[in-house]
């Protein structure tokens, strides 16, 4: 029984090692290829943050909140 558990433990450690090796490969070596892939050009995350927000009004027109420039 102890031998089976040890083999299972070794197999799990080996699988996690392979998983982390693949993760390191993608982040270090394949990152530039992934960034320059045409399917990723449609992502405009920075442009979404530059959207001018409107005022928050009550039903009678009283301003509850408005956008102000950051100091």
C-alpha atoms as a PDB file:
ATOM      1  CA  UNK A   1       0.000   0.000   0.000  1.00  0.00           C
ATOM      2  CA  UNK A   2       2.811   2.419   0.875  1.00  0.00           C
ATOM      3  CA  UNK A   3       4.463   1.780  -2.481  1.00  0.00           C
ATOM      4  CA  UNK A   4       1.264   2.715  -4.352  1.00  0.00           C
ATOM      5  CA  UNK A   5       0.907   5.953  -2.411  1.00  0.00           C
ATOM      6  CA  UNK A   6       4.528   6.846  -3.100  1.00  0.00           C
ATOM      7  CA  UNK A   7       4.055   6.203  -6.833  1.00  0.00           C
ATOM      8  CA  UNK A   8       0.909   8.319  -6.826  1.00  0.00           C
ATOM      9  CA  UNK A   9       2.773  11.120  -5.052  1.00  0.00           C
ATOM     10  CA  UNK A  10       5.614  10.979  -7.571  1.00  0.00           C
ATOM     11  CA  UNK A  11       3.121  11.042 -10.448  1.00  0.00           C
ATOM     12  CA  UNK A  12       1.337  14.081  -9.000  1.00  0.00           C
ATOM     13  CA  UNK A  13       4.620  15.936  -8.445  1.00  0.00           C
ATOM     14  CA  UNK A  14       5.677  15.101 -12.008  1.00  0.00           C
ATOM     15  CA  UNK A  15       2.401  16.378 -13.454  1.00  0.00           C
ATOM     16  CA  UNK A  16       2.614  19.620 -11.476  1.00  0.00           C
ATOM     17  CA  UNK A  17       6.222  20.042 -12.615  1.00  0.00           C
ATOM     18  CA  UNK A  18       5.140  19.676 -16.233  1.00  0.00           C
ATOM     19  CA  UNK A  19       2.321  22.146 -15.672  1.00  0.00           C
ATOM     20  CA  UNK A  20       4.650  24.775 -14.203  1.00  0.00           C
ATOM     21  CA  UNK A  21       7.223  24.171 -16.946  1.00  0.00           C
ATOM     22  CA  UNK A  22       4.553  24.834 -19.570  1.00  0.00           C
ATOM     23  CA  UNK A  23       3.427  27.942 -17.702  1.00  0.00           C
ATOM     24  CA  UNK A  24       6.996  29.266 -17.574  1.00  0.00           C
ATOM     25  CA  UNK A  25       7.472  28.556 -21.285  1.00  0.00           C
ATOM     26  CA  UNK A  26       4.331  30.462 -22.230  1.00  0.00           C
ATOM     27  CA  UNK A  27       5.147  33.454 -20.035  1.00  0.00           C
ATOM     28  CA  UNK A  28       8.835  33.716 -20.926  1.00  0.00           C
ATOM     29  CA  UNK A  29       9.301  32.453 -24.469  1.00  0.00           C
ATOM     30  CA  UNK A  30       5.893  32.569 -26.175  1.00  0.00           C
ATOM     31  CA  UNK A  31       4.644  35.877 -24.734  1.00  0.00           C
ATOM     32  CA  UNK A  32       5.791  37.993 -27.697  1.00  0.00           C
ATOM     33  CA  UNK A  33       4.179  35.644 -30.217  1.00  0.00           C
ATOM     34  CA  UNK A  34       0.935  35.668 -28.260  1.00  0.00           C
ATOM     35  CA  UNK A  35       0.932  39.481 -28.013  1.00  0.00           C
ATOM     36  CA  UNK A  36       1.557  39.932 -31.729  1.00  0.00           C
ATOM     37  CA  UNK A  37      -1.074  37.393 -32.810  1.00  0.00           C
ATOM     38  CA  UNK A  38      -3.817  39.083 -34.901  1.00  0.00           C
ATOM     39  CA  UNK A  39      -6.598  37.703 -32.695  1.00  0.00           C
ATOM     40  CA  UNK A  40      -5.307  39.797 -29.802  1.00  0.00           C
ATOM     41  CA  UNK A  41      -5.291  43.139 -31.669  1.00  0.00           C
ATOM     42  CA  UNK A  42      -8.988  43.743 -31.064  1.00  0.00           C
ATOM     43  CA  UNK A  43      -8.388  44.156 -27.334  1.00  0.00           C
ATOM     44  CA  UNK A  44      -8.414  47.822 -26.427  1.00  0.00           C
ATOM     45  CA  UNK A  45      -8.282  47.738 -22.666  1.00  0.00           C
ATOM     46  CA  UNK A  46      -6.582  51.111 -22.241  1.00  0.00           C
ATOM     47  CA  UNK A  47      -9.162  52.918 -24.364  1.00  0.00           C
ATOM     48  CA  UNK A  48     -11.957  51.688 -22.104  1.00  0.00           C
ATOM     49  CA  UNK A  49     -10.454  53.458 -19.100  1.00  0.00           C
ATOM     50  CA  UNK A  50     -10.346  56.834 -20.866  1.00  0.00           C
ATOM     51  CA  UNK A  51     -14.128  57.095 -21.244  1.00  0.00           C
ATOM     52  CA  UNK A  52     -15.592  60.311 -19.883  1.00  0.00           C
ATOM     53  CA  UNK A  53     -18.241  59.514 -17.311  1.00  0.00           C
ATOM     54  CA  UNK A  54     -21.466  61.424 -16.933  1.00  0.00           C
ATOM     55  CA  UNK A  55     -23.107  62.945 -13.891  1.00  0.00           C
ATOM     56  CA  UNK A  56     -25.337  60.929 -11.584  1.00  0.00           C
ATOM     57  CA  UNK A  57     -28.613  62.787 -11.130  1.00  0.00           C
ATOM     58  CA  UNK A  58     -31.711  62.332  -9.023  1.00  0.00           C
ATOM     59  CA  UNK A  59     -35.164  62.276 -10.604  1.00  0.00           C
ATOM     60  CA  UNK A  60     -35.550  66.028 -10.065  1.00  0.00           C
ATOM     61  CA  UNK A  61     -32.139  66.861 -11.588  1.00  0.00           C
ATOM     62  CA  UNK A  62     -30.033  67.254  -8.430  1.00  0.00           C
ATOM     63  CA  UNK A  63     -26.404  66.253  -9.057  1.00  0.00           C
ATOM     64  CA  UNK A  64     -25.354  63.451  -6.709  1.00  0.00           C
ATOM     65  CA  UNK A  65     -21.934  62.724  -8.239  1.00  0.00           C
ATOM     66  CA  UNK A  66     -19.842  64.052 -11.097  1.00  0.00           C
ATOM     67  CA  UNK A  67     -16.458  63.390 -12.648  1.00  0.00           C
ATOM     68  CA  UNK A  68     -13.568  65.575 -11.539  1.00  0.00           C
ATOM     69  CA  UNK A  69     -10.011  65.533 -12.858  1.00  0.00           C
ATOM     70  CA  UNK A  70      -7.471  63.695 -10.722  1.00  0.00           C
ATOM     71  CA  UNK A  71      -4.967  65.945  -8.935  1.00  0.00           C
END
